[in-house]
């Protein structure tokens, strides 16, 4: 059985250890919280980027087909719908001929 002074010394030692190391534990807890929040933010950012790319590609394709011209304004003045229609006609004509 321990004496009363030994128990009180151990308690005081534990309390002092906790008080002096509290900033370290608080910093570790804050760092872990920041890491987890950053990982969640990265995951949501990646998901949003994928949706942005998908909708951006779809929107640019529709815009390019119906409104926009090629970036080489001096060389090509046809839009993509005209080129797609010409390619479709060539494919249909080539398929109709039996080789």
C-alpha atoms as a PDB file:
ATOM      1  CA  UNK A   1       0.000   0.000   0.000  1.00  0.00           C
ATOM      2  CA  UNK A   2       1.355   3.404  -0.970  1.00  0.00           C
ATOM      3  CA  UNK A   3       1.638   6.242   1.398  1.00  0.00           C
ATOM      4  CA  UNK A   4      -0.413   9.398   1.005  1.00  0.00           C
ATOM      5  CA  UNK A   5       2.577  11.612   0.101  1.00  0.00           C
ATOM      6  CA  UNK A   6       3.675   9.262  -2.694  1.00  0.00           C
ATOM      7  CA  UNK A   7       0.191   9.337  -4.245  1.00  0.00           C
ATOM      8  CA  UNK A   8      -0.076  13.113  -4.002  1.00  0.00           C
ATOM      9  CA  UNK A   9       3.400  13.499  -5.541  1.00  0.00           C
ATOM     10  CA  UNK A  10       2.393  11.277  -8.454  1.00  0.00           C
ATOM     11  CA  UNK A  11      -0.821  13.251  -8.952  1.00  0.00           C
ATOM     12  CA  UNK A  12       1.021  16.565  -8.880  1.00  0.00           C
ATOM     13  CA  UNK A  13       3.603  15.210 -11.314  1.00  0.00           C
ATOM     14  CA  UNK A  14       0.882  14.018 -13.715  1.00  0.00           C
ATOM     15  CA  UNK A  15      -0.984  17.347 -13.497  1.00  0.00           C
ATOM     16  CA  UNK A  16       2.227  19.306 -14.149  1.00  0.00           C
ATOM     17  CA  UNK A  17       3.091  17.038 -17.070  1.00  0.00           C
ATOM     18  CA  UNK A  18      -0.356  17.560 -18.582  1.00  0.00           C
ATOM     19  CA  UNK A  19      -0.243  21.338 -18.011  1.00  0.00           C
ATOM     20  CA  UNK A  20       3.214  21.741 -19.547  1.00  0.00           C
ATOM     21  CA  UNK A  21       2.549  19.452 -22.518  1.00  0.00           C
ATOM     22  CA  UNK A  22      -0.951  20.837 -23.214  1.00  0.00           C
ATOM     23  CA  UNK A  23       0.243  23.214 -25.978  1.00  0.00           C
ATOM     24  CA  UNK A  24       1.952  20.301 -27.708  1.00  0.00           C
ATOM     25  CA  UNK A  25      -1.185  18.143 -27.563  1.00  0.00           C
ATOM     26  CA  UNK A  26      -3.314  21.079 -28.693  1.00  0.00           C
ATOM     27  CA  UNK A  27      -0.980  21.680 -31.635  1.00  0.00           C
ATOM     28  CA  UNK A  28      -1.027  18.014 -32.608  1.00  0.00           C
ATOM     29  CA  UNK A  29      -4.846  17.935 -32.430  1.00  0.00           C
ATOM     30  CA  UNK A  30      -5.065  21.124 -34.513  1.00  0.00           C
ATOM     31  CA  UNK A  31      -2.632  19.737 -37.056  1.00  0.00           C
ATOM     32  CA  UNK A  32      -4.612  16.507 -37.395  1.00  0.00           C
ATOM     33  CA  UNK A  33      -7.859  18.485 -37.750  1.00  0.00           C
ATOM     34  CA  UNK A  34      -6.255  20.676 -40.416  1.00  0.00           C
ATOM     35  CA  UNK A  35      -4.950  17.647 -42.264  1.00  0.00           C
ATOM     36  CA  UNK A  36      -8.372  15.970 -42.296  1.00  0.00           C
ATOM     37  CA  UNK A  37     -10.112  19.190 -43.363  1.00  0.00           C
ATOM     38  CA  UNK A  38      -7.525  19.704 -46.114  1.00  0.00           C
ATOM     39  CA  UNK A  39      -8.017  16.169 -47.410  1.00  0.00           C
ATOM     40  CA  UNK A  40     -11.800  16.654 -47.511  1.00  0.00           C
ATOM     41  CA  UNK A  41     -11.273  19.942 -49.330  1.00  0.00           C
ATOM     42  CA  UNK A  42      -8.960  18.273 -51.830  1.00  0.00           C
ATOM     43  CA  UNK A  43     -11.478  15.495 -52.491  1.00  0.00           C
ATOM     44  CA  UNK A  44     -14.309  17.990 -53.053  1.00  0.00           C
ATOM     45  CA  UNK A  45     -12.009  20.080 -55.234  1.00  0.00           C
ATOM     46  CA  UNK A  46     -11.102  17.096 -57.396  1.00  0.00           C
ATOM     47  CA  UNK A  47     -14.779  16.110 -57.750  1.00  0.00           C
ATOM     48  CA  UNK A  48     -15.732  19.678 -58.684  1.00  0.00           C
ATOM     49  CA  UNK A  49     -12.858  19.839 -61.180  1.00  0.00           C
ATOM     50  CA  UNK A  50     -13.985  16.610 -62.860  1.00  0.00           C
ATOM     51  CA  UNK A  51     -17.554  17.923 -63.173  1.00  0.00           C
ATOM     52  CA  UNK A  52     -16.196  21.231 -64.464  1.00  0.00           C
ATOM     53  CA  UNK A  53     -14.124  19.480 -67.105  1.00  0.00           C
ATOM     54  CA  UNK A  54     -17.035  17.297 -68.203  1.00  0.00           C
ATOM     55  CA  UNK A  55     -19.519  20.159 -68.483  1.00  0.00           C
ATOM     56  CA  UNK A  56     -16.887  22.440 -70.004  1.00  0.00           C
ATOM     57  CA  UNK A  57     -16.103  19.909 -72.727  1.00  0.00           C
ATOM     58  CA  UNK A  58     -19.799  19.331 -73.435  1.00  0.00           C
ATOM     59  CA  UNK A  59     -20.474  23.065 -73.510  1.00  0.00           C
ATOM     60  CA  UNK A  60     -17.501  23.806 -75.720  1.00  0.00           C
ATOM     61  CA  UNK A  61     -18.495  21.060 -78.150  1.00  0.00           C
ATOM     62  CA  UNK A  62     -22.035  22.438 -78.471  1.00  0.00           C
ATOM     63  CA  UNK A  63     -20.725  25.987 -78.732  1.00  0.00           C
ATOM     64  CA  UNK A  64     -18.141  24.975 -81.275  1.00  0.00           C
ATOM     65  CA  UNK A  65     -20.655  23.042 -83.390  1.00  0.00           C
ATOM     66  CA  UNK A  66     -23.325  25.722 -83.497  1.00  0.00           C
ATOM     67  CA  UNK A  67     -21.596  29.081 -82.994  1.00  0.00           C
ATOM     68  CA  UNK A  68     -17.827  29.097 -82.989  1.00  0.00           C
ATOM     69  CA  UNK A  69     -15.348  28.911 -85.792  1.00  0.00           C
ATOM     70  CA  UNK A  70     -11.926  27.351 -85.916  1.00  0.00           C
ATOM     71  CA  UNK A  71      -9.218  29.343 -84.169  1.00  0.00           C
ATOM     72  CA  UNK A  72      -7.395  29.612 -87.512  1.00  0.00           C
ATOM     73  CA  UNK A  73      -9.610  32.338 -88.896  1.00  0.00           C
ATOM     74  CA  UNK A  74      -7.507  32.960 -91.988  1.00  0.00           C
ATOM     75  CA  UNK A  75      -7.276  29.288 -92.966  1.00  0.00           C
ATOM     76  CA  UNK A  76     -10.679  27.812 -92.130  1.00  0.00           C
ATOM     77  CA  UNK A  77     -13.974  29.652 -91.985  1.00  0.00           C
ATOM     78  CA  UNK A  78     -16.227  26.631 -91.565  1.00  0.00           C
ATOM     79  CA  UNK A  79     -17.712  25.663 -88.260  1.00  0.00           C
ATOM     80  CA  UNK A  80     -17.558  22.130 -86.929  1.00  0.00           C
ATOM     81  CA  UNK A  81     -21.140  21.311 -87.878  1.00  0.00           C
ATOM     82  CA  UNK A  82     -20.294  21.796 -91.565  1.00  0.00           C
ATOM     83  CA  UNK A  83     -17.199  19.612 -91.244  1.00  0.00           C
ATOM     84  CA  UNK A  84     -19.191  16.943 -89.366  1.00  0.00           C
ATOM     85  CA  UNK A  85     -21.905  16.986 -92.057  1.00  0.00           C
ATOM     86  CA  UNK A  86     -19.319  16.600 -94.836  1.00  0.00           C
ATOM     87  CA  UNK A  87     -17.618  13.707 -93.027  1.00  0.00           C
ATOM     88  CA  UNK A  88     -21.002  12.049 -92.425  1.00  0.00           C
ATOM     89  CA  UNK A  89     -21.928  12.343 -96.106  1.00  0.00           C
ATOM     90  CA  UNK A  90     -18.560  10.852 -97.147  1.00  0.00           C
ATOM     91  CA  UNK A  91     -18.972   7.950 -94.713  1.00  0.00           C
ATOM     92  CA  UNK A  92     -22.517   7.241 -95.873  1.00  0.00           C
ATOM     93  CA  UNK A  93     -21.507   7.360 -99.544  1.00  0.00           C
ATOM     94  CA  UNK A  94     -18.527   5.070 -98.964  1.00  0.00           C
ATOM     95  CA  UNK A  95     -20.679   2.565 -97.054  1.00  0.00           C
ATOM     96  CA  UNK A  96     -23.351   2.477 -99.756  1.00  0.00           C
ATOM     97  CA  UNK A  97     -20.852   1.327-102.398  1.00  0.00           C
ATOM     98  CA  UNK A  98     -20.204  -2.367-102.289  1.00  0.00           C
ATOM     99  CA  UNK A  99     -16.571  -3.247-102.734  1.00  0.00           C
END
